[in-house]
Amino acid sequence: MNSAIGTSLIALGLAFEVVGCLGLLRLPDFYTRMQAATKCVALGTLLVIVGAVVTVGTPSAVAKGGLCLTFLLLTSPTGSHALARAAYRSGTRLWQGSVVDQLAGDSGSSGNSGNSGDLEGNR
């Protein structure tokens, strides 16, 4: 029973990973790609770890999985926020279809405008 639940969680996690990777390929600019990478891949990795812990089922696996999940949940949003903030401050343009630029009035920004980007972004 644990093996079937664990395998299902791992498969669901891998599906989220694939959706996140497709988002990296399909989304128009750095910031939306960053969101796809952070949200989908973090959730996918979380499900894979939980699935592995459920499949193994030993107390040491639970402890190690808990440490990995804690590290993942603390570092993934922090790292993506730091990367996006640094990209904005260095002048990486928003996609031309962006509606809101919440950092436009930030004193530390470089003055990005929401409609100055090209469709492909800065790769």
PDB file of N, CA and C in Angstrom:
ATOM      1  N   MET A   1       0.827  -1.203   0.000  1.00  0.00           N
ATOM      2  CA  MET A   1       0.000   0.000   0.000  1.00  0.00           C
ATOM      3  C   MET A   1       0.868   1.262   0.000  1.00  0.00           C
ATOM      4  N   ASN A   2       1.893   1.293   0.884  1.00  0.00           N
ATOM      5  CA  ASN A   2       2.788   2.449   0.929  1.00  0.00           C
ATOM      6  C   ASN A   2       3.537   2.625  -0.378  1.00  0.00           C
ATOM      7  N   SER A   3       3.868   1.506  -1.017  1.00  0.00           N
ATOM      8  CA  SER A   3       4.592   1.576  -2.272  1.00  0.00           C
ATOM      9  C   SER A   3       3.733   2.232  -3.360  1.00  0.00           C
ATOM     10  N   ALA A   4       2.457   1.904  -3.407  1.00  0.00           N
ATOM     11  CA  ALA A   4       1.565   2.483  -4.417  1.00  0.00           C
ATOM     12  C   ALA A   4       1.349   3.976  -4.164  1.00  0.00           C
ATOM     13  N   ILE A   5       1.172   4.354  -2.910  1.00  0.00           N
ATOM     14  CA  ILE A   5       0.992   5.776  -2.574  1.00  0.00           C
ATOM     15  C   ILE A   5       2.269   6.554  -2.881  1.00  0.00           C
ATOM     16  N   GLY A   6       3.405   5.995  -2.492  1.00  0.00           N
ATOM     17  CA  GLY A   6       4.685   6.644  -2.749  1.00  0.00           C
ATOM     18  C   GLY A   6       4.953   6.807  -4.235  1.00  0.00           C
ATOM     19  N   THR A   7       4.670   5.764  -5.006  1.00  0.00           N
ATOM     20  CA  THR A   7       4.868   5.842  -6.452  1.00  0.00           C
ATOM     21  C   THR A   7       3.940   6.870  -7.079  1.00  0.00           C
ATOM     22  N   SER A   8       2.717   6.952  -6.595  1.00  0.00           N
ATOM     23  CA  SER A   8       1.771   7.953  -7.106  1.00  0.00           C
ATOM     24  C   SER A   8       2.251   9.369  -6.802  1.00  0.00           C
ATOM     25  N   LEU A   9       2.758   9.586  -5.605  1.00  0.00           N
ATOM     26  CA  LEU A   9       3.278  10.909  -5.250  1.00  0.00           C
ATOM     27  C   LEU A   9       4.501  11.277  -6.088  1.00  0.00           C
ATOM     28  N   ILE A  10       5.366  10.303  -6.327  1.00  0.00           N
ATOM     29  CA  ILE A  10       6.539  10.554  -7.158  1.00  0.00           C
ATOM     30  C   ILE A  10       6.122  10.878  -8.586  1.00  0.00           C
ATOM     31  N   ALA A  11       5.157  10.145  -9.123  1.00  0.00           N
ATOM     32  CA  ALA A  11       4.681  10.409 -10.481  1.00  0.00           C
ATOM     33  C   ALA A  11       4.039  11.793 -10.578  1.00  0.00           C
ATOM     34  N   LEU A  12       3.263  12.171  -9.579  1.00  0.00           N
ATOM     35  CA  LEU A  12       2.648  13.501  -9.561  1.00  0.00           C
ATOM     36  C   LEU A  12       3.727  14.589  -9.461  1.00  0.00           C
ATOM     37  N   GLY A  13       4.743  14.342  -8.651  1.00  0.00           N
ATOM     38  CA  GLY A  13       5.851  15.283  -8.543  1.00  0.00           C
ATOM     39  C   GLY A  13       6.599  15.439  -9.855  1.00  0.00           C
ATOM     40  N   LEU A  14       6.816  14.334 -10.550  1.00  0.00           N
ATOM     41  CA  LEU A  14       7.480  14.404 -11.847  1.00  0.00           C
ATOM     42  C   LEU A  14       6.631  15.145 -12.869  1.00  0.00           C
ATOM     43  N   ALA A  15       5.310  15.006 -12.782  1.00  0.00           N
ATOM     44  CA  ALA A  15       4.426  15.753 -13.678  1.00  0.00           C
ATOM     45  C   ALA A  15       4.571  17.257 -13.438  1.00  0.00           C
ATOM     46  N   PHE A  16       4.640  17.676 -12.184  1.00  0.00           N
ATOM     47  CA  PHE A  16       4.855  19.096 -11.878  1.00  0.00           C
ATOM     48  C   PHE A  16       6.218  19.563 -12.382  1.00  0.00           C
ATOM     49  N   GLU A  17       7.228  18.711 -12.263  1.00  0.00           N
ATOM     50  CA  GLU A  17       8.560  19.057 -12.770  1.00  0.00           C
ATOM     51  C   GLU A  17       8.509  19.298 -14.282  1.00  0.00           C
ATOM     52  N   VAL A  18       7.800  18.435 -15.009  1.00  0.00           N
ATOM     53  CA  VAL A  18       7.696  18.581 -16.462  1.00  0.00           C
ATOM     54  C   VAL A  18       6.956  19.867 -16.812  1.00  0.00           C
ATOM     55  N   VAL A  19       5.877  20.185 -16.094  1.00  0.00           N
ATOM     56  CA  VAL A  19       5.148  21.427 -16.348  1.00  0.00           C
ATOM     57  C   VAL A  19       6.044  22.639 -16.092  1.00  0.00           C
ATOM     58  N   GLY A  20       6.846  22.593 -15.036  1.00  0.00           N
ATOM     59  CA  GLY A  20       7.785  23.674 -14.758  1.00  0.00           C
ATOM     60  C   GLY A  20       8.822  23.826 -15.859  1.00  0.00           C
ATOM     61  N   CYS A  21       9.317  22.715 -16.378  1.00  0.00           N
ATOM     62  CA  CYS A  21      10.292  22.780 -17.476  1.00  0.00           C
ATOM     63  C   CYS A  21       9.657  23.314 -18.746  1.00  0.00           C
ATOM     64  N   LEU A  22       8.420  22.929 -19.021  1.00  0.00           N
ATOM     65  CA  LEU A  22       7.712  23.482 -20.179  1.00  0.00           C
ATOM     66  C   LEU A  22       7.506  24.986 -20.017  1.00  0.00           C
ATOM     67  N   GLY A  23       7.242  25.421 -18.792  1.00  0.00           N
ATOM     68  CA  GLY A  23       7.105  26.852 -18.528  1.00  0.00           C
ATOM     69  C   GLY A  23       8.388  27.604 -18.815  1.00  0.00           C
ATOM     70  N   LEU A  24       9.522  26.987 -18.515  1.00  0.00           N
ATOM     71  CA  LEU A  24      10.800  27.623 -18.824  1.00  0.00           C
ATOM     72  C   LEU A  24      10.988  27.806 -20.324  1.00  0.00           C
ATOM     73  N   LEU A  25      10.451  26.885 -21.091  1.00  0.00           N
ATOM     74  CA  LEU A  25      10.591  26.975 -22.544  1.00  0.00           C
ATOM     75  C   LEU A  25       9.555  27.897 -23.184  1.00  0.00           C
ATOM     76  N   ARG A  26       8.351  27.930 -22.634  1.00  0.00           N
ATOM     77  CA  ARG A  26       7.246  28.602 -23.295  1.00  0.00           C
ATOM     78  C   ARG A  26       6.958  30.028 -22.834  1.00  0.00           C
ATOM     79  N   LEU A  27       7.299  30.377 -21.620  1.00  0.00           N
ATOM     80  CA  LEU A  27       6.932  31.695 -21.104  1.00  0.00           C
ATOM     81  C   LEU A  27       7.828  32.783 -21.692  1.00  0.00           C
ATOM     82  N   PRO A  28       7.311  34.014 -21.791  1.00  0.00           N
ATOM     83  CA  PRO A  28       7.959  35.032 -22.615  1.00  0.00           C
ATOM     84  C   PRO A  28       9.173  35.748 -22.026  1.00  0.00           C
ATOM     85  N   ASP A  29       9.299  35.880 -20.721  1.00  0.00           N
ATOM     86  CA  ASP A  29      10.430  36.647 -20.201  1.00  0.00           C
ATOM     87  C   ASP A  29      11.014  35.989 -18.957  1.00  0.00           C
ATOM     88  N   PHE A  30      12.099  36.570 -18.498  1.00  0.00           N
ATOM     89  CA  PHE A  30      12.841  36.018 -17.369  1.00  0.00           C
ATOM     90  C   PHE A  30      11.972  35.870 -16.127  1.00  0.00           C
ATOM     91  N   TYR A  31      11.155  36.853 -15.842  1.00  0.00           N
ATOM     92  CA  TYR A  31      10.400  36.871 -14.593  1.00  0.00           C
ATOM     93  C   TYR A  31       9.304  35.809 -14.561  1.00  0.00           C
ATOM     94  N   THR A  32       8.614  35.613 -15.670  1.00  0.00           N
ATOM     95  CA  THR A  32       7.599  34.564 -15.697  1.00  0.00           C
ATOM     96  C   THR A  32       8.246  33.183 -15.726  1.00  0.00           C
ATOM     97  N   ARG A  33       9.392  33.074 -16.370  1.00  0.00           N
ATOM     98  CA  ARG A  33      10.127  31.798 -16.333  1.00  0.00           C
ATOM     99  C   ARG A  33      10.595  31.485 -14.916  1.00  0.00           C
ATOM    100  N   MET A  34      11.020  32.519 -14.209  1.00  0.00           N
ATOM    101  CA  MET A  34      11.459  32.344 -12.832  1.00  0.00           C
ATOM    102  C   MET A  34      10.308  31.827 -11.966  1.00  0.00           C
ATOM    103  N   GLN A  35       9.116  32.352 -12.209  1.00  0.00           N
ATOM    104  CA  GLN A  35       7.953  31.915 -11.444  1.00  0.00           C
ATOM    105  C   GLN A  35       7.641  30.449 -11.728  1.00  0.00           C
ATOM    106  N   ALA A  36       7.704  30.059 -12.998  1.00  0.00           N
ATOM    107  CA  ALA A  36       7.442  28.661 -13.352  1.00  0.00           C
ATOM    108  C   ALA A  36       8.468  27.741 -12.712  1.00  0.00           C
ATOM    109  N   ALA A  37       9.708  28.155 -12.761  1.00  0.00           N
ATOM    110  CA  ALA A  37      10.757  27.317 -12.186  1.00  0.00           C
ATOM    111  C   ALA A  37      10.592  27.182 -10.678  1.00  0.00           C
ATOM    112  N   THR A  38      10.260  28.271 -10.025  1.00  0.00           N
ATOM    113  CA  THR A  38      10.161  28.239  -8.575  1.00  0.00           C
ATOM    114  C   THR A  38       8.942  27.467  -8.100  1.00  0.00           C
ATOM    115  N   LYS A  39       7.786  27.803  -8.617  1.00  0.00           N
ATOM    116  CA  LYS A  39       6.557  27.196  -8.104  1.00  0.00           C
ATOM    117  C   LYS A  39       6.429  25.729  -8.491  1.00  0.00           C
ATOM    118  N   CYS A  40       6.501  25.427  -9.771  1.00  0.00           N
ATOM    119  CA  CYS A  40       6.279  24.055 -10.229  1.00  0.00           C
ATOM    120  C   CYS A  40       7.385  23.112  -9.799  1.00  0.00           C
ATOM    121  N   VAL A  41       8.613  23.537  -9.957  1.00  0.00           N
ATOM    122  CA  VAL A  41       9.720  22.652  -9.636  1.00  0.00           C
ATOM    123  C   VAL A  41       9.828  22.439  -8.125  1.00  0.00           C
ATOM    124  N   ALA A  42       9.571  23.472  -7.329  1.00  0.00           N
ATOM    125  CA  ALA A  42       9.603  23.291  -5.872  1.00  0.00           C
ATOM    126  C   ALA A  42       8.497  22.335  -5.420  1.00  0.00           C
ATOM    127  N   LEU A  43       7.286  22.503  -5.970  1.00  0.00           N
ATOM    128  CA  LEU A  43       6.199  21.594  -5.598  1.00  0.00           C
ATOM    129  C   LEU A  43       6.482  20.181  -6.091  1.00  0.00           C
ATOM    130  N   GLY A  44       7.019  20.061  -7.300  1.00  0.00           N
ATOM    131  CA  GLY A  44       7.355  18.742  -7.824  1.00  0.00           C
ATOM    132  C   GLY A  44       8.411  18.050  -6.978  1.00  0.00           C
ATOM    133  N   THR A  45       9.437  18.770  -6.599  1.00  0.00           N
ATOM    134  CA  THR A  45      10.491  18.196  -5.761  1.00  0.00           C
ATOM    135  C   THR A  45       9.940  17.808  -4.391  1.00  0.00           C
ATOM    136  N   LEU A  46       9.071  18.642  -3.845  1.00  0.00           N
ATOM    137  CA  LEU A  46       8.435  18.335  -2.565  1.00  0.00           C
ATOM    138  C   LEU A  46       7.672  17.020  -2.649  1.00  0.00           C
ATOM    139  N   LEU A  47       6.887  16.840  -3.716  1.00  0.00           N
ATOM    140  CA  LEU A  47       6.110  15.607  -3.870  1.00  0.00           C
ATOM    141  C   LEU A  47       7.009  14.388  -4.078  1.00  0.00           C
ATOM    142  N   VAL A  48       8.101  14.549  -4.816  1.00  0.00           N
ATOM    143  CA  VAL A  48       9.030  13.436  -5.022  1.00  0.00           C
ATOM    144  C   VAL A  48       9.663  13.024  -3.690  1.00  0.00           C
ATOM    145  N   ILE A  49      10.056  13.992  -2.890  1.00  0.00           N
ATOM    146  CA  ILE A  49      10.661  13.671  -1.585  1.00  0.00           C
ATOM    147  C   ILE A  49       9.644  12.986  -0.678  1.00  0.00           C
ATOM    148  N   VAL A  50       8.431  13.509  -0.626  1.00  0.00           N
ATOM    149  CA  VAL A  50       7.392  12.895   0.211  1.00  0.00           C
ATOM    150  C   VAL A  50       7.091  11.474  -0.280  1.00  0.00           C
ATOM    151  N   GLY A  51       7.025  11.299  -1.599  1.00  0.00           N
ATOM    152  CA  GLY A  51       6.795   9.968  -2.157  1.00  0.00           C
ATOM    153  C   GLY A  51       7.902   8.992  -1.794  1.00  0.00           C
ATOM    154  N   ALA A  52       9.140   9.454  -1.833  1.00  0.00           N
ATOM    155  CA  ALA A  52      10.260   8.586  -1.457  1.00  0.00           C
ATOM    156  C   ALA A  52      10.204   8.225   0.020  1.00  0.00           C
ATOM    157  N   VAL A  53       9.848   9.205   0.855  1.00  0.00           N
ATOM    158  CA  VAL A  53       9.746   8.944   2.292  1.00  0.00           C
ATOM    159  C   VAL A  53       8.623   7.941   2.574  1.00  0.00           C
ATOM    160  N   VAL A  54       7.481   8.108   1.902  1.00  0.00           N
ATOM    161  CA  VAL A  54       6.364   7.179   2.104  1.00  0.00           C
ATOM    162  C   VAL A  54       6.741   5.779   1.633  1.00  0.00           C
ATOM    163  N   THR A  55       7.445   5.691   0.519  1.00  0.00           N
ATOM    164  CA  THR A  55       7.840   4.385  -0.007  1.00  0.00           C
ATOM    165  C   THR A  55       8.816   3.675   0.921  1.00  0.00           C
ATOM    166  N   VAL A  56       9.829   4.400   1.399  1.00  0.00           N
ATOM    167  CA  VAL A  56      10.825   3.777   2.272  1.00  0.00           C
ATOM    168  C   VAL A  56      10.230   3.526   3.650  1.00  0.00           C
ATOM    169  N   GLY A  57       9.651   4.555   4.250  1.00  0.00           N
ATOM    170  CA  GLY A  57       8.907   4.394   5.485  1.00  0.00           C
ATOM    171  C   GLY A  57       9.697   4.209   6.760  1.00  0.00           C
ATOM    172  N   THR A  58      11.002   4.332   6.734  1.00  0.00           N
ATOM    173  CA  THR A  58      11.786   4.163   7.954  1.00  0.00           C
ATOM    174  C   THR A  58      11.900   5.506   8.676  1.00  0.00           C
ATOM    175  N   PRO A  59      12.132   5.468   9.981  1.00  0.00           N
ATOM    176  CA  PRO A  59      12.280   6.724  10.727  1.00  0.00           C
ATOM    177  C   PRO A  59      13.436   7.595  10.227  1.00  0.00           C
ATOM    178  N   SER A  60      14.527   6.974   9.812  1.00  0.00           N
ATOM    179  CA  SER A  60      15.647   7.771   9.303  1.00  0.00           C
ATOM    180  C   SER A  60      15.283   8.436   7.977  1.00  0.00           C
ATOM    181  N   ALA A  61      14.496   7.758   7.145  1.00  0.00           N
ATOM    182  CA  ALA A  61      14.045   8.366   5.887  1.00  0.00           C
ATOM    183  C   ALA A  61      13.121   9.549   6.162  1.00  0.00           C
ATOM    184  N   VAL A  62      12.277   9.416   7.176  1.00  0.00           N
ATOM    185  CA  VAL A  62      11.380  10.514   7.553  1.00  0.00           C
ATOM    186  C   VAL A  62      12.196  11.712   8.038  1.00  0.00           C
ATOM    187  N   ALA A  63      13.209  11.461   8.838  1.00  0.00           N
ATOM    188  CA  ALA A  63      14.053  12.550   9.350  1.00  0.00           C
ATOM    189  C   ALA A  63      14.819  13.230   8.217  1.00  0.00           C
ATOM    190  N   LYS A  64      15.419  12.434   7.351  1.00  0.00           N
ATOM    191  CA  LYS A  64      16.171  12.998   6.224  1.00  0.00           C
ATOM    192  C   LYS A  64      15.251  13.734   5.263  1.00  0.00           C
ATOM    193  N   GLY A  65      14.082  13.161   4.998  1.00  0.00           N
ATOM    194  CA  GLY A  65      13.120  13.824   4.122  1.00  0.00           C
ATOM    195  C   GLY A  65      12.626  15.130   4.714  1.00  0.00           C
ATOM    196  N   GLY A  66      12.414  15.139   6.022  1.00  0.00           N
ATOM    197  CA  GLY A  66      11.988  16.370   6.691  1.00  0.00           C
ATOM    198  C   GLY A  66      13.035  17.463   6.598  1.00  0.00           C
ATOM    199  N   LEU A  67      14.300  17.088   6.754  1.00  0.00           N
ATOM    200  CA  LEU A  67      15.384  18.061   6.607  1.00  0.00           C
ATOM    201  C   LEU A  67      15.456  18.598   5.174  1.00  0.00           C
ATOM    202  N   CYS A  68      15.317  17.703   4.206  1.00  0.00           N
ATOM    203  CA  CYS A  68      15.343  18.128   2.797  1.00  0.00           C
ATOM    204  C   CYS A  68      14.171  19.062   2.488  1.00  0.00           C
ATOM    205  N   LEU A  69      12.999  18.734   2.981  1.00  0.00           N
ATOM    206  CA  LEU A  69      11.816  19.579   2.738  1.00  0.00           C
ATOM    207  C   LEU A  69      11.984  20.948   3.389  1.00  0.00           C
ATOM    208  N   THR A  70      12.511  20.968   4.597  1.00  0.00           N
ATOM    209  CA  THR A  70      12.743  22.244   5.273  1.00  0.00           C
ATOM    210  C   THR A  70      13.717  23.105   4.479  1.00  0.00           C
ATOM    211  N   PHE A  71      14.816  22.506   4.039  1.00  0.00           N
ATOM    212  CA  PHE A  71      15.800  23.228   3.247  1.00  0.00           C
ATOM    213  C   PHE A  71      15.186  23.735   1.949  1.00  0.00           C
ATOM    214  N   LEU A  72      14.423  22.885   1.273  1.00  0.00           N
ATOM    215  CA  LEU A  72      13.780  23.259   0.010  1.00  0.00           C
ATOM    216  C   LEU A  72      12.800  24.411   0.205  1.00  0.00           C
ATOM    217  N   LEU A  73      11.964  24.325   1.218  1.00  0.00           N
ATOM    218  CA  LEU A  73      10.947  25.355   1.439  1.00  0.00           C
ATOM    219  C   LEU A  73      11.543  26.680   1.910  1.00  0.00           C
ATOM    220  N   LEU A  74      12.728  26.647   2.500  1.00  0.00           N
ATOM    221  CA  LEU A  74      13.378  27.892   2.913  1.00  0.00           C
ATOM    222  C   LEU A  74      14.205  28.527   1.802  1.00  0.00           C
ATOM    223  N   THR A  75      14.876  27.712   1.012  1.00  0.00           N
ATOM    224  CA  THR A  75      15.811  28.262   0.033  1.00  0.00           C
ATOM    225  C   THR A  75      15.194  28.559  -1.323  1.00  0.00           C
ATOM    226  N   SER A  76      14.201  27.815  -1.750  1.00  0.00           N
ATOM    227  CA  SER A  76      13.641  28.018  -3.086  1.00  0.00           C
ATOM    228  C   SER A  76      13.008  29.400  -3.250  1.00  0.00           C
ATOM    229  N   PRO A  77      12.101  29.832  -2.384  1.00  0.00           N
ATOM    230  CA  PRO A  77      11.536  31.168  -2.563  1.00  0.00           C
ATOM    231  C   PRO A  77      12.560  32.283  -2.304  1.00  0.00           C
ATOM    232  N   THR A  78      13.465  32.059  -1.364  1.00  0.00           N
ATOM    233  CA  THR A  78      14.462  33.079  -1.056  1.00  0.00           C
ATOM    234  C   THR A  78      15.421  33.269  -2.229  1.00  0.00           C
ATOM    235  N   GLY A  79      15.883  32.177  -2.789  1.00  0.00           N
ATOM    236  CA  GLY A  79      16.794  32.253  -3.922  1.00  0.00           C
ATOM    237  C   GLY A  79      16.151  32.851  -5.155  1.00  0.00           C
ATOM    238  N   SER A  80      14.924  32.461  -5.452  1.00  0.00           N
ATOM    239  CA  SER A  80      14.263  33.013  -6.640  1.00  0.00           C
ATOM    240  C   SER A  80      13.960  34.495  -6.469  1.00  0.00           C
ATOM    241  N   HIS A  81      13.618  34.895  -5.259  1.00  0.00           N
ATOM    242  CA  HIS A  81      13.382  36.322  -5.006  1.00  0.00           C
ATOM    243  C   HIS A  81      14.671  37.119  -5.206  1.00  0.00           C
ATOM    244  N   ALA A  82      15.764  36.612  -4.699  1.00  0.00           N
ATOM    245  CA  ALA A  82      17.039  37.306  -4.845  1.00  0.00           C
ATOM    246  C   ALA A  82      17.458  37.400  -6.312  1.00  0.00           C
ATOM    247  N   LEU A  83      17.276  36.316  -7.073  1.00  0.00           N
ATOM    248  CA  LEU A  83      17.618  36.344  -8.494  1.00  0.00           C
ATOM    249  C   LEU A  83      16.743  37.323  -9.272  1.00  0.00           C
ATOM    250  N   ALA A  84      15.435  37.313  -9.002  1.00  0.00           N
ATOM    251  CA  ALA A  84      14.530  38.217  -9.713  1.00  0.00           C
ATOM    252  C   ALA A  84      14.822  39.674  -9.354  1.00  0.00           C
ATOM    253  N   ARG A  85      15.093  39.931  -8.105  1.00  0.00           N
ATOM    254  CA  ARG A  85      15.401  41.300  -7.678  1.00  0.00           C
ATOM    255  C   ARG A  85      16.708  41.792  -8.311  1.00  0.00           C
ATOM    256  N   ALA A  86      17.713  40.932  -8.350  1.00  0.00           N
ATOM    257  CA  ALA A  86      18.984  41.298  -8.978  1.00  0.00           C
ATOM    258  C   ALA A  86      18.813  41.519 -10.483  1.00  0.00           C
ATOM    259  N   ALA A  87      18.000  40.687 -11.119  1.00  0.00           N
ATOM    260  CA  ALA A  87      17.754  40.860 -12.559  1.00  0.00           C
ATOM    261  C   ALA A  87      17.044  42.181 -12.826  1.00  0.00           C
ATOM    262  N   TYR A  88      16.090  42.522 -11.989  1.00  0.00           N
ATOM    263  CA  TYR A  88      15.367  43.782 -12.168  1.00  0.00           C
ATOM    264  C   TYR A  88      16.309  44.970 -11.983  1.00  0.00           C
ATOM    265  N   ARG A  89      17.109  44.911 -10.949  1.00  0.00           N
ATOM    266  CA  ARG A  89      18.031  46.026 -10.675  1.00  0.00           C
ATOM    267  C   ARG A  89      19.124  46.151 -11.726  1.00  0.00           C
ATOM    268  N   SER A  90      19.468  45.047 -12.377  1.00  0.00           N
ATOM    269  CA  SER A  90      20.496  45.119 -13.417  1.00  0.00           C
ATOM    270  C   SER A  90      19.930  45.515 -14.777  1.00  0.00           C
ATOM    271  N   GLY A  91      18.607  45.670 -14.863  1.00  0.00           N
ATOM    272  CA  GLY A  91      18.005  46.176 -16.089  1.00  0.00           C
ATOM    273  C   GLY A  91      17.378  45.142 -16.992  1.00  0.00           C
ATOM    274  N   THR A  92      17.172  43.916 -16.534  1.00  0.00           N
ATOM    275  CA  THR A  92      16.489  42.918 -17.352  1.00  0.00           C
ATOM    276  C   THR A  92      15.061  43.386 -17.582  1.00  0.00           C
ATOM    277  N   ARG A  93      14.701  43.493 -18.830  1.00  0.00           N
ATOM    278  CA  ARG A  93      13.410  44.088 -19.182  1.00  0.00           C
ATOM    279  C   ARG A  93      12.243  43.150 -18.943  1.00  0.00           C
ATOM    280  N   LEU A  94      11.109  43.749 -18.618  1.00  0.00           N
ATOM    281  CA  LEU A  94       9.862  43.013 -18.510  1.00  0.00           C
ATOM    282  C   LEU A  94       9.333  42.726 -19.907  1.00  0.00           C
ATOM    283  N   TRP A  95       8.472  41.751 -20.008  1.00  0.00           N
ATOM    284  CA  TRP A  95       7.815  41.433 -21.265  1.00  0.00           C
ATOM    285  C   TRP A  95       6.884  42.584 -21.628  1.00  0.00           C
ATOM    286  N   GLN A  96       6.723  42.846 -22.912  1.00  0.00           N
ATOM    287  CA  GLN A  96       5.893  43.972 -23.356  1.00  0.00           C
ATOM    288  C   GLN A  96       4.430  43.818 -22.946  1.00  0.00           C
ATOM    289  N   GLY A  97       3.977  42.612 -22.677  1.00  0.00           N
ATOM    290  CA  GLY A  97       2.602  42.392 -22.240  1.00  0.00           C
ATOM    291  C   GLY A  97       2.423  42.457 -20.730  1.00  0.00           C
ATOM    292  N   SER A  98       3.471  42.802 -19.996  1.00  0.00           N
ATOM    293  CA  SER A  98       3.361  42.916 -18.538  1.00  0.00           C
ATOM    294  C   SER A  98       2.419  44.057 -18.191  1.00  0.00           C
ATOM    295  N   VAL A  99       1.548  43.823 -17.235  1.00  0.00           N
ATOM    296  CA  VAL A  99       0.540  44.803 -16.871  1.00  0.00           C
ATOM    297  C   VAL A  99       1.004  45.689 -15.723  1.00  0.00           C
ATOM    298  N   VAL A 100       1.671  45.112 -14.728  1.00  0.00           N
ATOM    299  CA  VAL A 100       2.042  45.849 -13.525  1.00  0.00           C
ATOM    300  C   VAL A 100       3.540  45.728 -13.290  1.00  0.00           C
ATOM    301  N   ASP A 101       4.160  46.848 -12.964  1.00  0.00           N
ATOM    302  CA  ASP A 101       5.557  46.874 -12.544  1.00  0.00           C
ATOM    303  C   ASP A 101       5.572  47.403 -11.112  1.00  0.00           C
ATOM    304  N   GLN A 102       5.521  46.500 -10.140  1.00  0.00           N
ATOM    305  CA  GLN A 102       5.400  46.903  -8.748  1.00  0.00           C
ATOM    306  C   GLN A 102       6.671  47.527  -8.196  1.00  0.00           C
ATOM    307  N   LEU A 103       7.788  47.357  -8.860  1.00  0.00           N
ATOM    308  CA  LEU A 103       9.047  47.908  -8.366  1.00  0.00           C
ATOM    309  C   LEU A 103       9.428  49.200  -9.068  1.00  0.00           C
ATOM    310  N   ALA A 104       8.551  49.755  -9.894  1.00  0.00           N
ATOM    311  CA  ALA A 104       8.891  50.944 -10.679  1.00  0.00           C
ATOM    312  C   ALA A 104       9.279  52.121  -9.795  1.00  0.00           C
ATOM    313  N   GLY A 105       8.678  52.276  -8.632  1.00  0.00           N
ATOM    314  CA  GLY A 105       8.989  53.388  -7.751  1.00  0.00           C
ATOM    315  C   GLY A 105      10.049  53.078  -6.721  1.00  0.00           C
ATOM    316  N   ASP A 106      10.643  51.880  -6.767  1.00  0.00           N
ATOM    317  CA  ASP A 106      11.643  51.470  -5.795  1.00  0.00           C
ATOM    318  C   ASP A 106      12.922  52.287  -5.980  1.00  0.00           C
ATOM    319  N   SER A 107      13.449  52.818  -4.915  1.00  0.00           N
ATOM    320  CA  SER A 107      14.625  53.690  -4.999  1.00  0.00           C
ATOM    321  C   SER A 107      15.872  52.950  -5.467  1.00  0.00           C
ATOM    322  N   GLY A 108      15.920  51.633  -5.279  1.00  0.00           N
ATOM    323  CA  GLY A 108      17.099  50.885  -5.693  1.00  0.00           C
ATOM    324  C   GLY A 108      17.005  50.329  -7.092  1.00  0.00           C
ATOM    325  N   SER A 109      15.922  50.607  -7.808  1.00  0.00           N
ATOM    326  CA  SER A 109      15.750  50.026  -9.135  1.00  0.00           C
ATOM    327  C   SER A 109      16.442  50.863 -10.195  1.00  0.00           C
ATOM    328  N   SER A 110      16.578  50.284 -11.371  1.00  0.00           N
ATOM    329  CA  SER A 110      17.247  50.974 -12.468  1.00  0.00           C
ATOM    330  C   SER A 110      16.260  51.650 -13.398  1.00  0.00           C
ATOM    331  N   GLY A 111      14.994  51.664 -13.057  1.00  0.00           N
ATOM    332  CA  GLY A 111      14.011  52.357 -13.874  1.00  0.00           C
ATOM    333  C   GLY A 111      13.455  51.532 -15.005  1.00  0.00           C
ATOM    334  N   ASN A 112      13.281  50.239 -14.816  1.00  0.00           N
ATOM    335  CA  ASN A 112      12.655  49.399 -15.822  1.00  0.00           C
ATOM    336  C   ASN A 112      11.244  49.869 -16.079  1.00  0.00           C
ATOM    337  N   SER A 113      10.818  49.863 -17.315  1.00  0.00           N
ATOM    338  CA  SER A 113       9.410  50.140 -17.583  1.00  0.00           C
ATOM    339  C   SER A 113       8.747  48.856 -18.026  1.00  0.00           C
ATOM    340  N   GLY A 114       7.482  48.721 -17.738  1.00  0.00           N
ATOM    341  CA  GLY A 114       6.757  47.494 -18.024  1.00  0.00           C
ATOM    342  C   GLY A 114       6.545  47.228 -19.490  1.00  0.00           C
ATOM    343  N   ASN A 115       6.702  48.199 -20.375  1.00  0.00           N
ATOM    344  CA  ASN A 115       6.416  47.984 -21.779  1.00  0.00           C
ATOM    345  C   ASN A 115       7.640  48.129 -22.664  1.00  0.00           C
ATOM    346  N   SER A 116       8.839  48.032 -22.123  1.00  0.00           N
ATOM    347  CA  SER A 116      10.019  48.235 -22.929  1.00  0.00           C
ATOM    348  C   SER A 116      10.695  46.930 -23.352  1.00  0.00           C
ATOM    349  N   GLY A 117      10.175  45.799 -22.934  1.00  0.00           N
ATOM    350  CA  GLY A 117      10.811  44.526 -23.258  1.00  0.00           C
ATOM    351  C   GLY A 117      10.422  43.991 -24.609  1.00  0.00           C
ATOM    352  N   ASP A 118      11.228  43.076 -25.116  1.00  0.00           N
ATOM    353  CA  ASP A 118      10.852  42.428 -26.357  1.00  0.00           C
ATOM    354  C   ASP A 118      10.197  41.102 -26.030  1.00  0.00           C
ATOM    355  N   LEU A 119       9.610  40.462 -27.034  1.00  0.00           N
ATOM    356  CA  LEU A 119       8.838  39.244 -26.812  1.00  0.00           C
ATOM    357  C   LEU A 119       9.708  38.122 -26.281  1.00  0.00           C
ATOM    358  N   GLU A 120      10.938  38.027 -26.700  1.00  0.00           N
ATOM    359  CA  GLU A 120      11.798  36.944 -26.285  1.00  0.00           C
ATOM    360  C   GLU A 120      12.516  37.183 -24.964  1.00  0.00           C
ATOM    361  N   GLY A 121      12.538  38.421 -24.487  1.00  0.00           N
ATOM    362  CA  GLY A 121      13.230  38.718 -23.241  1.00  0.00           C
ATOM    363  C   GLY A 121      14.737  38.721 -23.452  1.00  0.00           C
ATOM    364  N   ASN A 122      15.474  38.819 -22.378  1.00  0.00           N
ATOM    365  CA  ASN A 122      16.929  38.803 -22.462  1.00  0.00           C
ATOM    366  C   ASN A 122      17.420  37.424 -22.099  1.00  0.00           C
ATOM    367  N   ARG A 123      17.877  36.664 -23.070  1.00  0.00           N
ATOM    368  CA  ARG A 123      18.372  35.313 -22.809  1.00  0.00           C
ATOM    369  C   ARG A 123      19.838  35.310 -22.686  1.00  0.00           C
TER     370      ARG A 123
END
